[in-house]
């Protein structure tokens, strides 16, 4: 049984989020949360919250033990991009792209 949690339209670009996501891929949930606790970025706090949500889904909806859960899939996909512009010299404009991402965490119970 695989349990999922999704955070949509985070205010963090997918390329920046993937750096943090790669650190916890394939780890046990407790180990992943311990790693994220010592990463000093807001991205790590948001990802830890999402992992805790997946654990709560597994525990409350499917009666899985939180101690036996492992992250089997985690990914950060691109979401919508807000397009803005900055005025530049001589009446020109430069684009500003405010990127965001969708983060998906899938956990499963490993056989003990």
C-alpha atoms as a PDB file:
ATOM      1  CA  UNK A   1       0.000   0.000   0.000  1.00  0.00           C
ATOM      2  CA  UNK A   2       1.449   3.343  -1.052  1.00  0.00           C
ATOM      3  CA  UNK A   3       0.312   6.551   0.643  1.00  0.00           C
ATOM      4  CA  UNK A   4       0.747   9.959  -0.933  1.00  0.00           C
ATOM      5  CA  UNK A   5       0.912  13.602   0.101  1.00  0.00           C
ATOM      6  CA  UNK A   6       1.146  16.489  -2.375  1.00  0.00           C
ATOM      7  CA  UNK A   7       2.048  20.150  -1.886  1.00  0.00           C
ATOM      8  CA  UNK A   8       0.936  22.182  -4.883  1.00  0.00           C
ATOM      9  CA  UNK A   9       2.103  25.629  -5.955  1.00  0.00           C
ATOM     10  CA  UNK A  10       4.836  26.022  -3.384  1.00  0.00           C
ATOM     11  CA  UNK A  11       6.593  29.338  -3.749  1.00  0.00           C
ATOM     12  CA  UNK A  12       9.902  27.565  -4.373  1.00  0.00           C
ATOM     13  CA  UNK A  13      11.324  26.789  -7.797  1.00  0.00           C
ATOM     14  CA  UNK A  14      11.603  23.115  -8.708  1.00  0.00           C
ATOM     15  CA  UNK A  15      15.349  23.307  -9.320  1.00  0.00           C
ATOM     16  CA  UNK A  16      15.983  24.639  -5.799  1.00  0.00           C
ATOM     17  CA  UNK A  17      13.617  22.127  -4.247  1.00  0.00           C
ATOM     18  CA  UNK A  18      15.258  19.169  -6.017  1.00  0.00           C
ATOM     19  CA  UNK A  19      18.518  19.842  -4.148  1.00  0.00           C
ATOM     20  CA  UNK A  20      16.738  19.137  -0.845  1.00  0.00           C
ATOM     21  CA  UNK A  21      14.548  16.345  -2.237  1.00  0.00           C
ATOM     22  CA  UNK A  22      17.599  14.374  -3.399  1.00  0.00           C
ATOM     23  CA  UNK A  23      18.924  14.249   0.177  1.00  0.00           C
ATOM     24  CA  UNK A  24      15.953  12.258   1.516  1.00  0.00           C
ATOM     25  CA  UNK A  25      14.978  10.040  -1.420  1.00  0.00           C
ATOM     26  CA  UNK A  26      14.820   6.365  -0.423  1.00  0.00           C
ATOM     27  CA  UNK A  27      15.393   6.953   3.295  1.00  0.00           C
ATOM     28  CA  UNK A  28      13.248   5.879   6.226  1.00  0.00           C
ATOM     29  CA  UNK A  29      10.879   8.590   7.425  1.00  0.00           C
ATOM     30  CA  UNK A  30      12.595   9.132  10.803  1.00  0.00           C
ATOM     31  CA  UNK A  31      15.997   9.378   9.131  1.00  0.00           C
ATOM     32  CA  UNK A  32      14.689  11.795   6.490  1.00  0.00           C
ATOM     33  CA  UNK A  33      13.169  14.085   9.134  1.00  0.00           C
ATOM     34  CA  UNK A  34      16.436  14.016  11.086  1.00  0.00           C
ATOM     35  CA  UNK A  35      18.370  15.064   7.974  1.00  0.00           C
ATOM     36  CA  UNK A  36      15.916  17.866   7.183  1.00  0.00           C
ATOM     37  CA  UNK A  37      16.049  19.200  10.741  1.00  0.00           C
ATOM     38  CA  UNK A  38      19.664  20.318  10.216  1.00  0.00           C
ATOM     39  CA  UNK A  39      19.271  21.916   6.788  1.00  0.00           C
ATOM     40  CA  UNK A  40      18.926  25.686   7.335  1.00  0.00           C
ATOM     41  CA  UNK A  41      16.571  26.507   4.469  1.00  0.00           C
ATOM     42  CA  UNK A  42      12.832  27.161   4.336  1.00  0.00           C
ATOM     43  CA  UNK A  43      12.685  24.457   1.655  1.00  0.00           C
ATOM     44  CA  UNK A  44      13.658  21.815   4.225  1.00  0.00           C
ATOM     45  CA  UNK A  45      10.973  22.965   6.678  1.00  0.00           C
ATOM     46  CA  UNK A  46       8.300  22.791   3.967  1.00  0.00           C
ATOM     47  CA  UNK A  47       9.474  19.327   2.883  1.00  0.00           C
ATOM     48  CA  UNK A  48       9.514  18.052   6.485  1.00  0.00           C
ATOM     49  CA  UNK A  49       5.938  19.267   6.920  1.00  0.00           C
ATOM     50  CA  UNK A  50       4.922  17.402   3.748  1.00  0.00           C
ATOM     51  CA  UNK A  51       6.603  14.184   4.897  1.00  0.00           C
ATOM     52  CA  UNK A  52       4.838  14.438   8.263  1.00  0.00           C
ATOM     53  CA  UNK A  53       1.555  14.854   6.346  1.00  0.00           C
ATOM     54  CA  UNK A  54       2.223  11.653   4.367  1.00  0.00           C
ATOM     55  CA  UNK A  55       2.983   9.819   7.624  1.00  0.00           C
ATOM     56  CA  UNK A  56      -0.254  11.112   9.172  1.00  0.00           C
ATOM     57  CA  UNK A  57      -2.206   9.977   6.098  1.00  0.00           C
ATOM     58  CA  UNK A  58      -0.695   6.495   6.390  1.00  0.00           C
ATOM     59  CA  UNK A  59      -1.304   6.281  10.121  1.00  0.00           C
ATOM     60  CA  UNK A  60      -4.861   7.635  10.229  1.00  0.00           C
ATOM     61  CA  UNK A  61      -6.288   6.345   6.949  1.00  0.00           C
ATOM     62  CA  UNK A  62      -4.549   2.973   6.599  1.00  0.00           C
ATOM     63  CA  UNK A  63      -3.445   2.122  10.193  1.00  0.00           C
ATOM     64  CA  UNK A  64       0.219   1.806   9.190  1.00  0.00           C
ATOM     65  CA  UNK A  65       2.930   2.089  11.810  1.00  0.00           C
ATOM     66  CA  UNK A  66       4.922   5.342  11.417  1.00  0.00           C
ATOM     67  CA  UNK A  67       8.117   3.566  12.522  1.00  0.00           C
ATOM     68  CA  UNK A  68       7.997   1.218   9.507  1.00  0.00           C
ATOM     69  CA  UNK A  69       7.479   3.819   6.770  1.00  0.00           C
ATOM     70  CA  UNK A  70      10.004   4.502   4.001  1.00  0.00           C
ATOM     71  CA  UNK A  71       9.990   7.162   1.282  1.00  0.00           C
ATOM     72  CA  UNK A  72       9.746   5.228  -1.981  1.00  0.00           C
ATOM     73  CA  UNK A  73       9.155   8.164  -4.296  1.00  0.00           C
ATOM     74  CA  UNK A  74       9.623  11.878  -3.911  1.00  0.00           C
ATOM     75  CA  UNK A  75       9.688  14.405  -6.698  1.00  0.00           C
ATOM     76  CA  UNK A  76       9.527  18.127  -7.340  1.00  0.00           C
ATOM     77  CA  UNK A  77       7.782  19.026 -10.598  1.00  0.00           C
ATOM     78  CA  UNK A  78       7.440  22.440 -12.172  1.00  0.00           C
ATOM     79  CA  UNK A  79       4.218  24.316 -11.530  1.00  0.00           C
ATOM     80  CA  UNK A  80       2.890  27.571 -12.930  1.00  0.00           C
ATOM     81  CA  UNK A  81       5.248  30.486 -13.514  1.00  0.00           C
ATOM     82  CA  UNK A  82       4.177  34.029 -12.721  1.00  0.00           C
ATOM     83  CA  UNK A  83       5.455  36.369 -15.416  1.00  0.00           C
ATOM     84  CA  UNK A  84       6.348  39.883 -14.413  1.00  0.00           C
ATOM     85  CA  UNK A  85       8.584  42.533 -15.916  1.00  0.00           C
ATOM     86  CA  UNK A  86      11.130  45.027 -14.682  1.00  0.00           C
ATOM     87  CA  UNK A  87      11.480  48.362 -16.405  1.00  0.00           C
ATOM     88  CA  UNK A  88      14.957  48.920 -17.828  1.00  0.00           C
ATOM     89  CA  UNK A  89      16.815  51.731 -19.494  1.00  0.00           C
ATOM     90  CA  UNK A  90      15.632  53.386 -22.698  1.00  0.00           C
ATOM     91  CA  UNK A  91      12.021  52.206 -22.376  1.00  0.00           C
ATOM     92  CA  UNK A  92      12.789  48.504 -22.466  1.00  0.00           C
ATOM     93  CA  UNK A  93      11.577  45.706 -20.194  1.00  0.00           C
ATOM     94  CA  UNK A  94      13.223  42.579 -18.788  1.00  0.00           C
ATOM     95  CA  UNK A  95      11.223  39.524 -17.785  1.00  0.00           C
ATOM     96  CA  UNK A  96      10.990  38.292 -14.203  1.00  0.00           C
ATOM     97  CA  UNK A  97       9.901  34.652 -13.904  1.00  0.00           C
ATOM     98  CA  UNK A  98       8.590  33.669 -10.467  1.00  0.00           C
ATOM     99  CA  UNK A  99       8.670  29.889 -10.575  1.00  0.00           C
ATOM    100  CA  UNK A 100       6.892  27.458  -8.290  1.00  0.00           C
ATOM    101  CA  UNK A 101       6.706  23.691  -7.901  1.00  0.00           C
ATOM    102  CA  UNK A 102       4.492  20.734  -6.998  1.00  0.00           C
ATOM    103  CA  UNK A 103       6.133  18.328  -4.536  1.00  0.00           C
ATOM    104  CA  UNK A 104       4.893  14.735  -4.218  1.00  0.00           C
ATOM    105  CA  UNK A 105       5.888  12.290  -1.445  1.00  0.00           C
ATOM    106  CA  UNK A 106       4.919   8.608  -1.553  1.00  0.00           C
ATOM    107  CA  UNK A 107       5.597   6.413   1.487  1.00  0.00           C
ATOM    108  CA  UNK A 108       5.076   2.698   1.990  1.00  0.00           C
ATOM    109  CA  UNK A 109       5.419   0.251   4.836  1.00  0.00           C
ATOM    110  CA  UNK A 110       8.576  -1.791   4.586  1.00  0.00           C
ATOM    111  CA  UNK A 111       8.519  -5.466   5.568  1.00  0.00           C
ATOM    112  CA  UNK A 112      10.064  -6.014   8.987  1.00  0.00           C
END
